[in-house]
Amino acid sequence: MGVWNTIVGWLVVSALLLLGSALWLRFFRRGPIEWAWHVCHAWLVARTQGLAAWWRERRGEGAGAR
């Protein structure tokens, strides 16, 4: 009986995750992990643009060079 309990438990958890993610994505563009990743990346980029420009100038590449 222990094996069947494990299988049924796995199926229930899988179904709940599937249902929850489908409902979440109906209302939001990104999932919670993707949203947090996007916010962190935007925060990092916004605070390092000046540093990147300074570094390019220091190396003599100019502001428009990549």
N, C-alpha and C. Protein backbone atom coordinates (compact mmCIF):
# COMPACT_ATOMS: atom_id res chain seq x y z
N MET A 1 0.82 -1.20 0.00
CA MET A 1 0.00 0.00 0.00
C MET A 1 0.86 1.26 0.00
N GLY A 2 2.08 1.19 0.53
CA GLY A 2 2.93 2.35 0.61
C GLY A 2 3.32 2.90 -0.76
N VAL A 3 3.52 2.02 -1.73
CA VAL A 3 3.89 2.45 -3.07
C VAL A 3 2.74 3.22 -3.71
N TRP A 4 1.52 2.73 -3.53
CA TRP A 4 0.36 3.41 -4.12
C TRP A 4 0.12 4.77 -3.47
N ASN A 5 0.38 4.89 -2.18
CA ASN A 5 0.24 6.19 -1.53
C ASN A 5 1.22 7.20 -2.11
N THR A 6 2.41 6.74 -2.39
CA THR A 6 3.42 7.61 -2.98
C THR A 6 3.00 8.05 -4.38
N ILE A 7 2.51 7.12 -5.16
CA ILE A 7 2.09 7.44 -6.53
C ILE A 7 0.90 8.40 -6.53
N VAL A 8 -0.09 8.13 -5.69
CA VAL A 8 -1.26 9.00 -5.61
C VAL A 8 -0.85 10.38 -5.10
N GLY A 9 0.03 10.44 -4.13
CA GLY A 9 0.51 11.73 -3.62
C GLY A 9 1.22 12.52 -4.70
N TRP A 10 2.05 11.85 -5.48
CA TRP A 10 2.76 12.50 -6.57
C TRP A 10 1.78 13.03 -7.61
N LEU A 11 0.75 12.24 -7.94
CA LEU A 11 -0.25 12.68 -8.91
C LEU A 11 -1.03 13.89 -8.41
N VAL A 12 -1.38 13.90 -7.13
CA VAL A 12 -2.13 15.03 -6.56
C VAL A 12 -1.28 16.30 -6.59
N VAL A 13 -0.05 16.20 -6.16
CA VAL A 13 0.84 17.37 -6.15
C VAL A 13 1.07 17.86 -7.58
N SER A 14 1.28 16.96 -8.52
CA SER A 14 1.48 17.35 -9.92
C SER A 14 0.25 18.06 -10.48
N ALA A 15 -0.92 17.53 -10.19
CA ALA A 15 -2.17 18.14 -10.68
C ALA A 15 -2.35 19.53 -10.07
N LEU A 16 -2.06 19.70 -8.79
CA LEU A 16 -2.19 21.01 -8.15
C LEU A 16 -1.22 22.02 -8.75
N LEU A 17 0.01 21.60 -9.01
CA LEU A 17 0.99 22.50 -9.62
C LEU A 17 0.58 22.88 -11.04
N LEU A 18 0.08 21.94 -11.79
CA LEU A 18 -0.36 22.20 -13.15
C LEU A 18 -1.54 23.16 -13.17
N LEU A 19 -2.51 22.93 -12.32
CA LEU A 19 -3.68 23.80 -12.23
C LEU A 19 -3.29 25.19 -11.74
N GLY A 20 -2.46 25.26 -10.72
CA GLY A 20 -2.02 26.55 -10.19
C GLY A 20 -1.25 27.37 -11.20
N SER A 21 -0.36 26.74 -11.95
CA SER A 21 0.42 27.49 -12.93
C SER A 21 -0.45 27.96 -14.09
N ALA A 22 -1.41 27.13 -14.51
CA ALA A 22 -2.32 27.55 -15.58
C ALA A 22 -3.16 28.75 -15.14
N LEU A 23 -3.66 28.73 -13.93
CA LEU A 23 -4.45 29.85 -13.42
C LEU A 23 -3.60 31.10 -13.27
N TRP A 24 -2.40 30.96 -12.76
CA TRP A 24 -1.51 32.10 -12.58
C TRP A 24 -1.25 32.79 -13.93
N LEU A 25 -0.93 32.01 -14.95
CA LEU A 25 -0.57 32.58 -16.23
C LEU A 25 -1.76 33.14 -16.99
N ARG A 26 -2.98 32.86 -16.55
CA ARG A 26 -4.14 33.52 -17.14
C ARG A 26 -4.21 34.98 -16.72
N PHE A 27 -3.71 35.29 -15.53
CA PHE A 27 -3.84 36.63 -14.98
C PHE A 27 -2.55 37.45 -15.05
N PHE A 28 -1.42 36.79 -15.13
CA PHE A 28 -0.14 37.47 -15.11
C PHE A 28 0.69 37.06 -16.32
N ARG A 29 1.51 38.01 -16.81
CA ARG A 29 2.33 37.76 -17.99
C ARG A 29 3.47 36.79 -17.69
N ARG A 30 4.03 36.89 -16.50
CA ARG A 30 5.16 36.03 -16.11
C ARG A 30 4.79 35.26 -14.86
N GLY A 31 5.49 34.18 -14.67
CA GLY A 31 5.37 33.44 -13.42
C GLY A 31 6.12 34.19 -12.32
N PRO A 32 5.95 33.78 -11.07
CA PRO A 32 6.58 34.51 -9.97
C PRO A 32 8.11 34.49 -10.02
N ILE A 33 8.71 33.40 -10.44
CA ILE A 33 10.17 33.33 -10.52
C ILE A 33 10.67 34.21 -11.67
N GLU A 34 10.00 34.14 -12.83
CA GLU A 34 10.40 34.97 -13.97
C GLU A 34 10.23 36.45 -13.65
N TRP A 35 9.16 36.79 -12.93
CA TRP A 35 8.92 38.18 -12.53
C TRP A 35 10.06 38.67 -11.64
N ALA A 36 10.42 37.88 -10.63
CA ALA A 36 11.50 38.28 -9.72
C ALA A 36 12.82 38.41 -10.49
N TRP A 37 13.09 37.50 -11.41
CA TRP A 37 14.29 37.54 -12.22
C TRP A 37 14.32 38.83 -13.05
N HIS A 38 13.19 39.18 -13.67
CA HIS A 38 13.11 40.38 -14.49
C HIS A 38 13.34 41.64 -13.65
N VAL A 39 12.70 41.72 -12.49
CA VAL A 39 12.86 42.88 -11.61
C VAL A 39 14.32 43.03 -11.18
N CYS A 40 14.94 41.94 -10.78
CA CYS A 40 16.35 41.99 -10.35
C CYS A 40 17.26 42.41 -11.51
N HIS A 41 17.02 41.89 -12.69
CA HIS A 41 17.84 42.24 -13.85
C HIS A 41 17.65 43.71 -14.20
N ALA A 42 16.42 44.20 -14.22
CA ALA A 42 16.17 45.61 -14.53
C ALA A 42 16.84 46.51 -13.49
N TRP A 43 16.77 46.13 -12.23
CA TRP A 43 17.41 46.91 -11.17
C TRP A 43 18.92 46.96 -11.37
N LEU A 44 19.51 45.82 -11.68
CA LEU A 44 20.95 45.75 -11.88
C LEU A 44 21.39 46.58 -13.08
N VAL A 45 20.68 46.45 -14.19
CA VAL A 45 21.04 47.19 -15.40
C VAL A 45 20.91 48.69 -15.17
N ALA A 46 19.84 49.12 -14.50
CA ALA A 46 19.62 50.54 -14.26
C ALA A 46 20.74 51.14 -13.40
N ARG A 47 21.33 50.35 -12.53
CA ARG A 47 22.35 50.88 -11.64
C ARG A 47 23.77 50.69 -12.14
N THR A 48 23.95 49.98 -13.25
CA THR A 48 25.31 49.77 -13.75
C THR A 48 25.55 50.42 -15.10
N GLN A 49 24.56 51.09 -15.68
CA GLN A 49 24.76 51.73 -16.98
C GLN A 49 25.83 52.82 -16.90
N GLY A 50 25.80 53.61 -15.84
CA GLY A 50 26.82 54.65 -15.67
C GLY A 50 28.20 54.06 -15.52
N LEU A 51 28.31 52.98 -14.80
CA LEU A 51 29.59 52.31 -14.62
C LEU A 51 30.11 51.77 -15.95
N ALA A 52 29.21 51.20 -16.76
CA ALA A 52 29.63 50.66 -18.05
C ALA A 52 30.11 51.77 -18.97
N ALA A 53 29.41 52.92 -18.97
CA ALA A 53 29.83 54.04 -19.81
C ALA A 53 31.18 54.57 -19.34
N TRP A 54 31.36 54.67 -18.05
CA TRP A 54 32.64 55.13 -17.50
C TRP A 54 33.76 54.19 -17.91
N TRP A 55 33.49 52.88 -17.84
CA TRP A 55 34.52 51.90 -18.18
C TRP A 55 34.88 51.98 -19.66
N ARG A 56 33.88 52.17 -20.55
CA ARG A 56 34.17 52.31 -21.98
C ARG A 56 34.99 53.56 -22.25
N GLU A 57 34.65 54.67 -21.60
CA GLU A 57 35.43 55.91 -21.78
C GLU A 57 36.86 55.72 -21.30
N ARG A 58 37.02 55.05 -20.19
CA ARG A 58 38.35 54.83 -19.63
C ARG A 58 39.21 54.00 -20.57
N ARG A 59 38.57 53.04 -21.24
CA ARG A 59 39.31 52.20 -22.16
C ARG A 59 39.46 52.84 -23.54
N GLY A 60 38.83 54.02 -23.75
CA GLY A 60 38.97 54.73 -25.00
C GLY A 60 38.06 54.26 -26.09
N GLU A 61 36.98 53.57 -25.73
CA GLU A 61 36.07 53.04 -26.74
C GLU A 61 34.96 54.03 -27.10
N GLY A 62 34.76 55.05 -26.31
CA GLY A 62 33.70 56.00 -26.59
C GLY A 62 32.36 55.49 -26.10
N ALA A 63 31.37 56.39 -26.09
CA ALA A 63 30.07 56.06 -25.53
C ALA A 63 29.26 55.14 -26.43
N GLY A 64 29.43 55.26 -27.75
CA GLY A 64 28.60 54.48 -28.67
C GLY A 64 29.17 53.13 -29.05
N ALA A 65 30.40 52.86 -28.74
CA ALA A 65 31.04 51.60 -29.15
C ALA A 65 30.59 50.46 -28.26
N ARG A 66 30.58 49.29 -28.83
CA ARG A 66 30.23 48.09 -28.05
C ARG A 66 31.27 47.04 -28.25
